[in-house]
């Protein structure tokens, strides 16, 4: 039995990862440590909570005493660190919590992993640490880090801390940097769920700038299968980029959602651009494909349809979210644009 500490496991990607692991294997025991901030939702884990191989601990990864307690009590030998403040817009409104969670929290986990001699530490990072691309080219694992937002700079700092522990102490750290995820359980501040929910409610669809910013999109199931593979077979000290080679302009995604929901393009509203908005991200994932044998299984058209269907059939899930604190944040972000 492999005892794994999964941090941030009540968030979008983390909860999908836990559900994937526990529904496909019985050789792991997962401890999910999550602070349950605005984006953490235990409803995402309703199926996993029934498993004898799962337990939840509410807490902060910056809490040294709690982290030590978890490592000792559950004899943790593997760490998969999803925990992060992750929304660029929120980092622009207030950066400090991003550095506290993403940098200090990661360092707390690394110190504990060193003390308890873990067998593998998987740091989940992002392609945003590479900065912005022009009209051509792809991010490779050798692309220099050039983060442009408080969020991406906090993740880049965490990445460097993680690899410093590998270089200095021999901690078996491996890292993934992934492109934009989408799928079920994604908090509705992110582009795809925001556009789906607003369109369903016949609300305006706010698009930054000219809508021509490009992202490389990957279905969350594909991402988590890649992360599982890197955790098990990735070489310590190495980075593995994860992408599905499915570049889309923001405006293209919005129009696709409108079309699938049978709504009018009159809902589109171009708003003042995000400060320092990166123009294009695109991932070269040939390393993980060639070395570990991973390939994405889902095409965008198929997976976006599945995602839209999920939001249509899980209306109660997102209605509970958008009726709360999210409304205040939404007005702060878009009210004056």
C-alpha atoms as a PDB file:
ATOM      1  CA  UNK A   1       0.000   0.000   0.000  1.00  0.00           C
ATOM      2  CA  UNK A   2       1.322   3.430  -0.970  1.00  0.00           C
ATOM      3  CA  UNK A   3       0.414   6.145   1.518  1.00  0.00           C
ATOM      4  CA  UNK A   4       0.018   9.411  -0.399  1.00  0.00           C
ATOM      5  CA  UNK A   5      -0.505  12.939   0.854  1.00  0.00           C
ATOM      6  CA  UNK A   6      -2.515  14.787  -1.795  1.00  0.00           C
ATOM      7  CA  UNK A   7      -2.701  18.488  -1.020  1.00  0.00           C
ATOM      8  CA  UNK A   8      -5.445  20.670  -2.441  1.00  0.00           C
ATOM      9  CA  UNK A   9      -7.514  17.579  -3.118  1.00  0.00           C
ATOM     10  CA  UNK A  10     -10.858  19.364  -2.772  1.00  0.00           C
ATOM     11  CA  UNK A  11     -10.089  21.719  -5.647  1.00  0.00           C
ATOM     12  CA  UNK A  12     -10.859  21.210  -9.311  1.00  0.00           C
ATOM     13  CA  UNK A  13      -7.854  19.230 -10.526  1.00  0.00           C
ATOM     14  CA  UNK A  14      -7.038  17.649  -7.172  1.00  0.00           C
ATOM     15  CA  UNK A  15     -10.522  16.230  -6.611  1.00  0.00           C
ATOM     16  CA  UNK A  16     -10.628  14.845 -10.133  1.00  0.00           C
ATOM     17  CA  UNK A  17      -7.235  13.230  -9.486  1.00  0.00           C
ATOM     18  CA  UNK A  18      -8.358  11.579  -6.254  1.00  0.00           C
ATOM     19  CA  UNK A  19     -11.566  10.322  -7.857  1.00  0.00           C
ATOM     20  CA  UNK A  20      -9.555   8.918 -10.769  1.00  0.00           C
ATOM     21  CA  UNK A  21      -7.021   7.133  -8.553  1.00  0.00           C
ATOM     22  CA  UNK A  22      -9.505   5.608  -6.121  1.00  0.00           C
ATOM     23  CA  UNK A  23     -11.842   4.419  -8.857  1.00  0.00           C
ATOM     24  CA  UNK A  24      -9.059   2.632 -10.715  1.00  0.00           C
ATOM     25  CA  UNK A  25      -6.764   1.107  -8.105  1.00  0.00           C
ATOM     26  CA  UNK A  26      -6.737  -0.261  -4.555  1.00  0.00           C
ATOM     27  CA  UNK A  27      -3.016  -0.158  -3.784  1.00  0.00           C
ATOM     28  CA  UNK A  28      -3.004   3.404  -2.424  1.00  0.00           C
ATOM     29  CA  UNK A  29      -4.211   5.178   0.689  1.00  0.00           C
ATOM     30  CA  UNK A  30      -4.848   8.885   0.133  1.00  0.00           C
ATOM     31  CA  UNK A  31      -4.779  11.590   2.782  1.00  0.00           C
ATOM     32  CA  UNK A  32      -6.364  14.712   1.333  1.00  0.00           C
ATOM     33  CA  UNK A  33      -5.157  17.906   3.029  1.00  0.00           C
ATOM     34  CA  UNK A  34      -7.169  20.942   1.953  1.00  0.00           C
ATOM     35  CA  UNK A  35      -7.820  24.317   3.550  1.00  0.00           C
ATOM     36  CA  UNK A  36     -11.265  24.503   1.900  1.00  0.00           C
ATOM     37  CA  UNK A  37     -10.896  28.041   0.630  1.00  0.00           C
ATOM     38  CA  UNK A  38     -13.526  29.411  -1.764  1.00  0.00           C
ATOM     39  CA  UNK A  39     -12.531  26.946  -4.513  1.00  0.00           C
ATOM     40  CA  UNK A  40     -12.387  23.829  -2.331  1.00  0.00           C
ATOM     41  CA  UNK A  41     -15.540  21.725  -2.343  1.00  0.00           C
ATOM     42  CA  UNK A  42     -15.951  18.351  -0.649  1.00  0.00           C
ATOM     43  CA  UNK A  43     -19.008  17.683  -2.795  1.00  0.00           C
ATOM     44  CA  UNK A  44     -16.514  16.947  -5.575  1.00  0.00           C
ATOM     45  CA  UNK A  45     -15.361  13.909  -3.570  1.00  0.00           C
ATOM     46  CA  UNK A  46     -18.703  12.320  -2.688  1.00  0.00           C
ATOM     47  CA  UNK A  47     -17.730   9.004  -4.303  1.00  0.00           C
ATOM     48  CA  UNK A  48     -14.189   8.938  -2.931  1.00  0.00           C
ATOM     49  CA  UNK A  49     -15.384   9.594   0.616  1.00  0.00           C
ATOM     50  CA  UNK A  50     -16.968   6.127   0.581  1.00  0.00           C
ATOM     51  CA  UNK A  51     -13.578   4.494   0.065  1.00  0.00           C
ATOM     52  CA  UNK A  52     -11.709   2.821   2.916  1.00  0.00           C
ATOM     53  CA  UNK A  53      -8.523   4.043   1.230  1.00  0.00           C
ATOM     54  CA  UNK A  54      -9.292   7.723   1.721  1.00  0.00           C
ATOM     55  CA  UNK A  55      -9.388  10.257   4.524  1.00  0.00           C
ATOM     56  CA  UNK A  56      -9.752  14.034   4.616  1.00  0.00           C
ATOM     57  CA  UNK A  57      -7.934  16.515   6.838  1.00  0.00           C
ATOM     58  CA  UNK A  58      -8.941  20.166   6.840  1.00  0.00           C
ATOM     59  CA  UNK A  59      -5.911  22.377   7.190  1.00  0.00           C
ATOM     60  CA  UNK A  60      -3.297  24.653   5.695  1.00  0.00           C
ATOM     61  CA  UNK A  61      -0.095  23.443   4.061  1.00  0.00           C
ATOM     62  CA  UNK A  62       1.711  26.347   5.740  1.00  0.00           C
ATOM     63  CA  UNK A  63       0.995  24.787   9.166  1.00  0.00           C
ATOM     64  CA  UNK A  64       4.235  23.023  10.109  1.00  0.00           C
ATOM     65  CA  UNK A  65       2.787  21.195  13.110  1.00  0.00           C
ATOM     66  CA  UNK A  66      -0.206  19.864  11.196  1.00  0.00           C
ATOM     67  CA  UNK A  67       1.894  18.742   8.247  1.00  0.00           C
ATOM     68  CA  UNK A  68       4.317  16.926  10.568  1.00  0.00           C
ATOM     69  CA  UNK A  69       1.393  15.274  12.361  1.00  0.00           C
ATOM     70  CA  UNK A  70      -0.034  13.987   9.070  1.00  0.00           C
ATOM     71  CA  UNK A  71       3.314  12.616   7.885  1.00  0.00           C
ATOM     72  CA  UNK A  72       3.857  10.845  11.202  1.00  0.00           C
ATOM     73  CA  UNK A  73       0.327   9.506  11.774  1.00  0.00           C
ATOM     74  CA  UNK A  74      -0.255   8.221   8.248  1.00  0.00           C
ATOM     75  CA  UNK A  75       3.350   7.225   7.491  1.00  0.00           C
ATOM     76  CA  UNK A  76       3.368   9.326   4.329  1.00  0.00           C
ATOM     77  CA  UNK A  77       5.884   8.226   1.700  1.00  0.00           C
ATOM     78  CA  UNK A  78       4.513  10.061  -1.341  1.00  0.00           C
ATOM     79  CA  UNK A  79       3.424  13.687  -1.797  1.00  0.00           C
ATOM     80  CA  UNK A  80       1.425  15.097  -4.704  1.00  0.00           C
ATOM     81  CA  UNK A  81       1.162  18.847  -4.272  1.00  0.00           C
ATOM     82  CA  UNK A  82      -1.874  20.296  -6.047  1.00  0.00           C
ATOM     83  CA  UNK A  83      -2.492  22.914  -3.339  1.00  0.00           C
ATOM     84  CA  UNK A  84      -2.247  26.415  -4.773  1.00  0.00           C
ATOM     85  CA  UNK A  85      -3.928  29.725  -5.155  1.00  0.00           C
ATOM     86  CA  UNK A  86      -4.358  29.495  -8.897  1.00  0.00           C
ATOM     87  CA  UNK A  87      -6.382  32.295 -10.467  1.00  0.00           C
ATOM     88  CA  UNK A  88      -4.351  35.030 -12.180  1.00  0.00           C
ATOM     89  CA  UNK A  89      -7.074  37.654 -11.735  1.00  0.00           C
ATOM     90  CA  UNK A  90      -7.200  37.089  -7.992  1.00  0.00           C
ATOM     91  CA  UNK A  91      -3.403  37.367  -7.800  1.00  0.00           C
ATOM     92  CA  UNK A  92      -3.634  40.768  -9.470  1.00  0.00           C
ATOM     93  CA  UNK A  93      -6.209  41.921  -6.923  1.00  0.00           C
ATOM     94  CA  UNK A  94      -4.094  40.670  -4.006  1.00  0.00           C
ATOM     95  CA  UNK A  95      -0.789  38.843  -4.310  1.00  0.00           C
ATOM     96  CA  UNK A  96       0.261  38.044  -0.735  1.00  0.00           C
ATOM     97  CA  UNK A  97      -1.853  34.928  -0.220  1.00  0.00           C
ATOM     98  CA  UNK A  98      -0.393  33.484  -3.437  1.00  0.00           C
ATOM     99  CA  UNK A  99       3.139  33.708  -2.067  1.00  0.00           C
ATOM    100  CA  UNK A 100       2.060  32.393   1.320  1.00  0.00           C
ATOM    101  CA  UNK A 101       0.339  29.305  -0.043  1.00  0.00           C
ATOM    102  CA  UNK A 102       2.298  28.602  -3.199  1.00  0.00           C
ATOM    103  CA  UNK A 103       5.808  29.375  -1.923  1.00  0.00           C
ATOM    104  CA  UNK A 104       5.791  29.084   1.878  1.00  0.00           C
ATOM    105  CA  UNK A 105       3.335  26.166   1.822  1.00  0.00           C
ATOM    106  CA  UNK A 106       5.422  24.272  -0.704  1.00  0.00           C
ATOM    107  CA  UNK A 107       8.531  24.834   1.414  1.00  0.00           C
ATOM    108  CA  UNK A 108       6.753  23.446   4.492  1.00  0.00           C
ATOM    109  CA  UNK A 109       5.857  20.320   2.525  1.00  0.00           C
ATOM    110  CA  UNK A 110       9.404  19.983   1.189  1.00  0.00           C
ATOM    111  CA  UNK A 111      10.912  20.238   4.681  1.00  0.00           C
ATOM    112  CA  UNK A 112       8.556  17.555   5.976  1.00  0.00           C
ATOM    113  CA  UNK A 113       9.210  15.353   2.950  1.00  0.00           C
ATOM    114  CA  UNK A 114      12.938  15.610   3.641  1.00  0.00           C
ATOM    115  CA  UNK A 115      12.554  14.789   7.334  1.00  0.00           C
ATOM    116  CA  UNK A 116      10.314  11.789   6.700  1.00  0.00           C
ATOM    117  CA  UNK A 117      12.342  10.561   3.715  1.00  0.00           C
ATOM    118  CA  UNK A 118       9.548  10.355   1.164  1.00  0.00           C
ATOM    119  CA  UNK A 119       9.967   8.155  -1.894  1.00  0.00           C
ATOM    120  CA  UNK A 120       8.513  10.663  -4.397  1.00  0.00           C
ATOM    121  CA  UNK A 121       7.437  14.312  -4.279  1.00  0.00           C
ATOM    122  CA  UNK A 122       5.364  15.413  -7.281  1.00  0.00           C
ATOM    123  CA  UNK A 123       5.097  19.174  -7.671  1.00  0.00           C
ATOM    124  CA  UNK A 124       2.153  20.151  -9.871  1.00  0.00           C
ATOM    125  CA  UNK A 125       3.096  23.350 -11.693  1.00  0.00           C
ATOM    126  CA  UNK A 126       1.853  25.305 -14.697  1.00  0.00           C
ATOM    127  CA  UNK A 127       2.947  26.372 -18.167  1.00  0.00           C
ATOM    128  CA  UNK A 128       2.417  29.973 -17.048  1.00  0.00           C
ATOM    129  CA  UNK A 129       5.864  29.969 -15.398  1.00  0.00           C
ATOM    130  CA  UNK A 130       7.351  30.117 -18.915  1.00  0.00           C
ATOM    131  CA  UNK A 131       5.767  33.494 -19.696  1.00  0.00           C
ATOM    132  CA  UNK A 132       4.236  34.325 -23.056  1.00  0.00           C
ATOM    133  CA  UNK A 133       4.867  33.037 -26.582  1.00  0.00           C
ATOM    134  CA  UNK A 134       4.649  34.836 -29.890  1.00  0.00           C
ATOM    135  CA  UNK A 135       2.595  33.530 -32.783  1.00  0.00           C
ATOM    136  CA  UNK A 136       4.853  30.488 -33.202  1.00  0.00           C
ATOM    137  CA  UNK A 137       6.881  28.172 -31.023  1.00  0.00           C
ATOM    138  CA  UNK A 138       6.179  25.861 -28.087  1.00  0.00           C
ATOM    139  CA  UNK A 139       7.185  25.696 -24.432  1.00  0.00           C
ATOM    140  CA  UNK A 140       9.684  22.899 -23.829  1.00  0.00           C
ATOM    141  CA  UNK A 141      11.142  21.772 -20.525  1.00  0.00           C
ATOM    142  CA  UNK A 142      14.247  23.842 -21.405  1.00  0.00           C
ATOM    143  CA  UNK A 143      12.312  27.088 -21.919  1.00  0.00           C
ATOM    144  CA  UNK A 144      13.632  29.664 -19.417  1.00  0.00           C
ATOM    145  CA  UNK A 145      11.207  30.673 -16.674  1.00  0.00           C
ATOM    146  CA  UNK A 146       9.762  34.125 -17.286  1.00  0.00           C
ATOM    147  CA  UNK A 147       6.598  34.492 -15.184  1.00  0.00           C
ATOM    148  CA  UNK A 148       4.559  37.635 -15.764  1.00  0.00           C
ATOM    149  CA  UNK A 149       1.852  37.604 -13.063  1.00  0.00           C
ATOM    150  CA  UNK A 150       1.955  37.353  -9.281  1.00  0.00           C
ATOM    151  CA  UNK A 151       0.384  33.903  -9.624  1.00  0.00           C
ATOM    152  CA  UNK A 152       2.895  32.550 -12.124  1.00  0.00           C
ATOM    153  CA  UNK A 153       5.833  34.088 -10.271  1.00  0.00           C
ATOM    154  CA  UNK A 154       4.710  32.354  -7.059  1.00  0.00           C
ATOM    155  CA  UNK A 155       4.542  29.038  -8.892  1.00  0.00           C
ATOM    156  CA  UNK A 156       7.965  29.605 -10.457  1.00  0.00           C
ATOM    157  CA  UNK A 157       9.407  30.309  -7.004  1.00  0.00           C
ATOM    158  CA  UNK A 158       7.833  27.103  -5.681  1.00  0.00           C
ATOM    159  CA  UNK A 159       9.291  25.160  -8.611  1.00  0.00           C
ATOM    160  CA  UNK A 160      12.768  26.456  -7.895  1.00  0.00           C
ATOM    161  CA  UNK A 161      12.426  25.668  -4.200  1.00  0.00           C
ATOM    162  CA  UNK A 162      11.366  22.113  -5.034  1.00  0.00           C
ATOM    163  CA  UNK A 163      14.323  21.489  -7.296  1.00  0.00           C
ATOM    164  CA  UNK A 164      16.694  23.087  -4.804  1.00  0.00           C
ATOM    165  CA  UNK A 165      15.662  20.372  -2.338  1.00  0.00           C
ATOM    166  CA  UNK A 166      16.377  17.752  -4.974  1.00  0.00           C
ATOM    167  CA  UNK A 167      19.794  19.207  -5.798  1.00  0.00           C
ATOM    168  CA  UNK A 168      20.841  19.950  -2.205  1.00  0.00           C
ATOM    169  CA  UNK A 169      19.309  17.079  -0.239  1.00  0.00           C
ATOM    170  CA  UNK A 170      18.613  14.450  -2.872  1.00  0.00           C
ATOM    171  CA  UNK A 171      14.870  14.700  -2.305  1.00  0.00           C
ATOM    172  CA  UNK A 172      13.174  12.710  -5.113  1.00  0.00           C
ATOM    173  CA  UNK A 173      11.274  15.637  -6.626  1.00  0.00           C
ATOM    174  CA  UNK A 174       9.592  15.371 -10.000  1.00  0.00           C
ATOM    175  CA  UNK A 175       7.523  18.104 -11.623  1.00  0.00           C
ATOM    176  CA  UNK A 176       4.744  18.561 -14.152  1.00  0.00           C
ATOM    177  CA  UNK A 177       3.882  21.768 -15.985  1.00  0.00           C
ATOM    178  CA  UNK A 178       0.493  21.600 -17.597  1.00  0.00           C
ATOM    179  CA  UNK A 179      -1.569  23.677 -19.987  1.00  0.00           C
ATOM    180  CA  UNK A 180      -5.095  24.966 -19.237  1.00  0.00           C
ATOM    181  CA  UNK A 181      -7.381  22.331 -17.746  1.00  0.00           C
ATOM    182  CA  UNK A 182     -11.148  22.099 -18.153  1.00  0.00           C
ATOM    183  CA  UNK A 183     -13.817  19.608 -17.121  1.00  0.00           C
ATOM    184  CA  UNK A 184     -16.238  18.808 -14.317  1.00  0.00           C
ATOM    185  CA  UNK A 185     -16.008  20.495 -10.895  1.00  0.00           C
ATOM    186  CA  UNK A 186     -14.131  23.549 -12.206  1.00  0.00           C
ATOM    187  CA  UNK A 187     -14.865  26.664 -10.168  1.00  0.00           C
ATOM    188  CA  UNK A 188     -16.889  29.148 -12.238  1.00  0.00           C
ATOM    189  CA  UNK A 189     -14.330  31.953 -12.198  1.00  0.00           C
ATOM    190  CA  UNK A 190     -12.375  30.180 -14.959  1.00  0.00           C
ATOM    191  CA  UNK A 191     -13.170  30.856 -18.616  1.00  0.00           C
ATOM    192  CA  UNK A 192     -15.055  27.740 -19.701  1.00  0.00           C
ATOM    193  CA  UNK A 193     -17.397  27.262 -16.706  1.00  0.00           C
ATOM    194  CA  UNK A 194     -17.920  31.025 -16.499  1.00  0.00           C
ATOM    195  CA  UNK A 195     -19.079  31.179 -20.106  1.00  0.00           C
ATOM    196  CA  UNK A 196     -21.267  28.078 -19.794  1.00  0.00           C
ATOM    197  CA  UNK A 197     -23.043  29.301 -16.670  1.00  0.00           C
ATOM    198  CA  UNK A 198     -23.471  32.895 -17.872  1.00  0.00           C
ATOM    199  CA  UNK A 199     -24.839  31.687 -21.203  1.00  0.00           C
ATOM    200  CA  UNK A 200     -27.300  29.368 -19.469  1.00  0.00           C
ATOM    201  CA  UNK A 201     -28.508  32.361 -17.457  1.00  0.00           C
ATOM    202  CA  UNK A 202     -28.557  34.666 -20.532  1.00  0.00           C
ATOM    203  CA  UNK A 203     -25.971  36.912 -18.884  1.00  0.00           C
ATOM    204  CA  UNK A 204     -23.228  38.799 -20.697  1.00  0.00           C
ATOM    205  CA  UNK A 205     -20.105  36.839 -21.572  1.00  0.00           C
ATOM    206  CA  UNK A 206     -17.141  39.053 -20.571  1.00  0.00           C
ATOM    207  CA  UNK A 207     -14.093  38.504 -22.775  1.00  0.00           C
ATOM    208  CA  UNK A 208     -10.818  40.248 -22.052  1.00  0.00           C
ATOM    209  CA  UNK A 209      -9.357  42.545 -24.699  1.00  0.00           C
ATOM    210  CA  UNK A 210      -9.863  41.373 -28.282  1.00  0.00           C
ATOM    211  CA  UNK A 211     -10.487  37.747 -27.319  1.00  0.00           C
ATOM    212  CA  UNK A 212      -7.527  36.542 -29.383  1.00  0.00           C
ATOM    213  CA  UNK A 213      -5.387  35.274 -26.493  1.00  0.00           C
ATOM    214  CA  UNK A 214      -4.435  31.652 -27.191  1.00  0.00           C
ATOM    215  CA  UNK A 215      -4.294  28.793 -24.703  1.00  0.00           C
ATOM    216  CA  UNK A 216      -3.450  25.116 -25.105  1.00  0.00           C
ATOM    217  CA  UNK A 217      -6.390  23.200 -23.592  1.00  0.00           C
ATOM    218  CA  UNK A 218      -6.363  19.768 -21.959  1.00  0.00           C
ATOM    219  CA  UNK A 219      -9.204  17.755 -20.472  1.00  0.00           C
ATOM    220  CA  UNK A 220      -8.674  17.260 -16.740  1.00  0.00           C
ATOM    221  CA  UNK A 221      -8.909  13.467 -17.096  1.00  0.00           C
ATOM    222  CA  UNK A 222      -5.993  13.467 -19.552  1.00  0.00           C
ATOM    223  CA  UNK A 223      -3.972  15.688 -17.230  1.00  0.00           C
ATOM    224  CA  UNK A 224      -4.528  13.460 -14.227  1.00  0.00           C
ATOM    225  CA  UNK A 225      -3.575  10.299 -16.082  1.00  0.00           C
ATOM    226  CA  UNK A 226      -0.346  12.037 -17.049  1.00  0.00           C
ATOM    227  CA  UNK A 227       0.250  13.199 -13.468  1.00  0.00           C
ATOM    228  CA  UNK A 228      -0.280   9.649 -12.195  1.00  0.00           C
ATOM    229  CA  UNK A 229       2.251   8.356 -14.704  1.00  0.00           C
ATOM    230  CA  UNK A 230       4.840  10.983 -13.756  1.00  0.00           C
ATOM    231  CA  UNK A 231       4.319  10.237 -10.057  1.00  0.00           C
ATOM    232  CA  UNK A 232       4.957   6.544 -10.624  1.00  0.00           C
ATOM    233  CA  UNK A 233       7.580   6.536 -13.378  1.00  0.00           C
ATOM    234  CA  UNK A 234       8.981  10.058 -13.684  1.00  0.00           C
ATOM    235  CA  UNK A 235      12.693  10.540 -13.088  1.00  0.00           C
ATOM    236  CA  UNK A 236      13.555  12.643  -9.991  1.00  0.00           C
ATOM    237  CA  UNK A 237      14.955  16.018 -10.923  1.00  0.00           C
ATOM    238  CA  UNK A 238      13.032  16.140 -14.191  1.00  0.00           C
ATOM    239  CA  UNK A 239      10.196  18.320 -15.514  1.00  0.00           C
ATOM    240  CA  UNK A 240       7.477  16.877 -17.735  1.00  0.00           C
ATOM    241  CA  UNK A 241       5.328  19.245 -19.770  1.00  0.00           C
ATOM    242  CA  UNK A 242       1.723  18.096 -20.206  1.00  0.00           C
ATOM    243  CA  UNK A 243      -0.363  19.422 -23.070  1.00  0.00           C
ATOM    244  CA  UNK A 244      -2.884  18.177 -25.591  1.00  0.00           C
ATOM    245  CA  UNK A 245      -1.724  20.328 -28.556  1.00  0.00           C
ATOM    246  CA  UNK A 246      -5.179  21.864 -28.784  1.00  0.00           C
ATOM    247  CA  UNK A 247      -4.655  25.589 -29.135  1.00  0.00           C
ATOM    248  CA  UNK A 248      -7.765  27.743 -29.107  1.00  0.00           C
ATOM    249  CA  UNK A 249      -8.390  31.476 -29.053  1.00  0.00           C
ATOM    250  CA  UNK A 250     -10.622  32.589 -26.194  1.00  0.00           C
ATOM    251  CA  UNK A 251     -13.214  33.990 -28.597  1.00  0.00           C
ATOM    252  CA  UNK A 252     -13.329  30.651 -30.463  1.00  0.00           C
ATOM    253  CA  UNK A 253     -14.137  28.798 -27.261  1.00  0.00           C
ATOM    254  CA  UNK A 254     -16.846  31.267 -26.320  1.00  0.00           C
ATOM    255  CA  UNK A 255     -18.492  31.022 -29.730  1.00  0.00           C
ATOM    256  CA  UNK A 256     -18.340  27.227 -29.586  1.00  0.00           C
ATOM    257  CA  UNK A 257     -20.090  27.236 -26.187  1.00  0.00           C
ATOM    258  CA  UNK A 258     -22.712  29.668 -27.473  1.00  0.00           C
ATOM    259  CA  UNK A 259     -23.367  27.440 -30.463  1.00  0.00           C
ATOM    260  CA  UNK A 260     -23.693  24.252 -28.419  1.00  0.00           C
ATOM    261  CA  UNK A 261     -26.123  25.947 -26.011  1.00  0.00           C
ATOM    262  CA  UNK A 262     -28.143  27.554 -28.789  1.00  0.00           C
ATOM    263  CA  UNK A 263     -27.527  31.073 -27.517  1.00  0.00           C
ATOM    264  CA  UNK A 264     -26.910  34.370 -29.319  1.00  0.00           C
ATOM    265  CA  UNK A 265     -23.504  35.931 -29.936  1.00  0.00           C
ATOM    266  CA  UNK A 266     -25.096  39.184 -28.762  1.00  0.00           C
ATOM    267  CA  UNK A 267     -24.259  37.949 -25.244  1.00  0.00           C
ATOM    268  CA  UNK A 268     -20.543  38.511 -25.964  1.00  0.00           C
ATOM    269  CA  UNK A 269     -19.157  41.590 -24.235  1.00  0.00           C
ATOM    270  CA  UNK A 270     -15.538  42.634 -24.736  1.00  0.00           C
ATOM    271  CA  UNK A 271     -14.143  44.153 -21.534  1.00  0.00           C
ATOM    272  CA  UNK A 272     -10.938  45.929 -20.528  1.00  0.00           C
ATOM    273  CA  UNK A 273      -8.023  43.526 -20.765  1.00  0.00           C
ATOM    274  CA  UNK A 274      -6.331  41.924 -17.779  1.00  0.00           C
ATOM    275  CA  UNK A 275      -3.120  43.774 -16.774  1.00  0.00           C
ATOM    276  CA  UNK A 276      -0.090  42.051 -18.268  1.00  0.00           C
ATOM    277  CA  UNK A 277      -2.231  39.479 -20.077  1.00  0.00           C
ATOM    278  CA  UNK A 278      -0.005  36.813 -21.669  1.00  0.00           C
ATOM    279  CA  UNK A 279      -0.816  36.432 -25.363  1.00  0.00           C
ATOM    280  CA  UNK A 280      -0.192  32.769 -26.091  1.00  0.00           C
ATOM    281  CA  UNK A 281       0.716  29.517 -24.354  1.00  0.00           C
ATOM    282  CA  UNK A 282       1.462  26.269 -26.167  1.00  0.00           C
ATOM    283  CA  UNK A 283       3.043  23.093 -24.825  1.00  0.00           C
ATOM    284  CA  UNK A 284       5.510  20.651 -26.360  1.00  0.00           C
ATOM    285  CA  UNK A 285       4.693  17.412 -24.525  1.00  0.00           C
ATOM    286  CA  UNK A 286       6.955  15.159 -26.598  1.00  0.00           C
ATOM    287  CA  UNK A 287       9.136  14.333 -23.573  1.00  0.00           C
ATOM    288  CA  UNK A 288       6.375  12.653 -21.550  1.00  0.00           C
ATOM    289  CA  UNK A 289       5.099  10.991 -24.712  1.00  0.00           C
ATOM    290  CA  UNK A 290       8.493   9.589 -25.712  1.00  0.00           C
ATOM    291  CA  UNK A 291       9.865   8.708 -22.266  1.00  0.00           C
ATOM    292  CA  UNK A 292       6.737   7.590 -20.395  1.00  0.00           C
ATOM    293  CA  UNK A 293       4.363   6.641 -23.203  1.00  0.00           C
ATOM    294  CA  UNK A 294       1.591   9.100 -22.365  1.00  0.00           C
ATOM    295  CA  UNK A 295      -0.730  10.581 -24.977  1.00  0.00           C
ATOM    296  CA  UNK A 296      -3.942  12.600 -24.532  1.00  0.00           C
ATOM    297  CA  UNK A 297      -7.059  10.553 -25.213  1.00  0.00           C
ATOM    298  CA  UNK A 298      -9.668  13.300 -25.602  1.00  0.00           C
ATOM    299  CA  UNK A 299     -10.159  15.717 -28.483  1.00  0.00           C
ATOM    300  CA  UNK A 300     -11.385  19.187 -27.565  1.00  0.00           C
ATOM    301  CA  UNK A 301     -14.717  18.915 -29.406  1.00  0.00           C
ATOM    302  CA  UNK A 302     -15.612  15.709 -27.565  1.00  0.00           C
ATOM    303  CA  UNK A 303     -14.435  16.801 -24.135  1.00  0.00           C
ATOM    304  CA  UNK A 304     -15.971  20.287 -24.268  1.00  0.00           C
ATOM    305  CA  UNK A 305     -19.318  18.683 -25.131  1.00  0.00           C
ATOM    306  CA  UNK A 306     -18.970  16.352 -22.138  1.00  0.00           C
ATOM    307  CA  UNK A 307     -18.070  19.336 -19.956  1.00  0.00           C
ATOM    308  CA  UNK A 308     -21.054  21.386 -21.096  1.00  0.00           C
ATOM    309  CA  UNK A 309     -23.324  18.386 -20.497  1.00  0.00           C
ATOM    310  CA  UNK A 310     -21.943  18.007 -16.988  1.00  0.00           C
ATOM    311  CA  UNK A 311     -22.766  21.623 -16.111  1.00  0.00           C
ATOM    312  CA  UNK A 312     -26.232  21.173 -17.603  1.00  0.00           C
ATOM    313  CA  UNK A 313     -26.952  18.106 -15.483  1.00  0.00           C
ATOM    314  CA  UNK A 314     -25.268  19.386 -12.296  1.00  0.00           C
ATOM    315  CA  UNK A 315     -27.028  22.718 -11.997  1.00  0.00           C
ATOM    316  CA  UNK A 316     -27.432  22.381  -8.217  1.00  0.00           C
ATOM    317  CA  UNK A 317     -23.666  22.077  -7.807  1.00  0.00           C
ATOM    318  CA  UNK A 318     -22.813  25.373  -9.509  1.00  0.00           C
ATOM    319  CA  UNK A 319     -25.889  27.259  -8.293  1.00  0.00           C
ATOM    320  CA  UNK A 320     -24.765  26.762  -4.693  1.00  0.00           C
ATOM    321  CA  UNK A 321     -21.374  28.192  -5.612  1.00  0.00           C
ATOM    322  CA  UNK A 322     -22.442  31.277  -7.550  1.00  0.00           C
ATOM    323  CA  UNK A 323     -24.984  32.311  -4.916  1.00  0.00           C
ATOM    324  CA  UNK A 324     -22.296  32.905  -2.294  1.00  0.00           C
ATOM    325  CA  UNK A 325     -19.001  34.762  -1.952  1.00  0.00           C
ATOM    326  CA  UNK A 326     -18.377  34.356  -5.651  1.00  0.00           C
ATOM    327  CA  UNK A 327     -20.926  37.093  -6.424  1.00  0.00           C
ATOM    328  CA  UNK A 328     -18.895  39.711  -4.547  1.00  0.00           C
ATOM    329  CA  UNK A 329     -15.716  38.672  -6.332  1.00  0.00           C
ATOM    330  CA  UNK A 330     -17.438  38.692  -9.720  1.00  0.00           C
ATOM    331  CA  UNK A 331     -18.651  42.268  -9.216  1.00  0.00           C
ATOM    332  CA  UNK A 332     -15.188  43.381  -8.098  1.00  0.00           C
ATOM    333  CA  UNK A 333     -13.542  41.884 -11.158  1.00  0.00           C
ATOM    334  CA  UNK A 334     -15.984  42.763 -13.929  1.00  0.00           C
ATOM    335  CA  UNK A 335     -18.197  45.529 -12.497  1.00  0.00           C
ATOM    336  CA  UNK A 336     -16.062  48.459 -13.670  1.00  0.00           C
ATOM    337  CA  UNK A 337     -14.782  47.021 -16.962  1.00  0.00           C
END
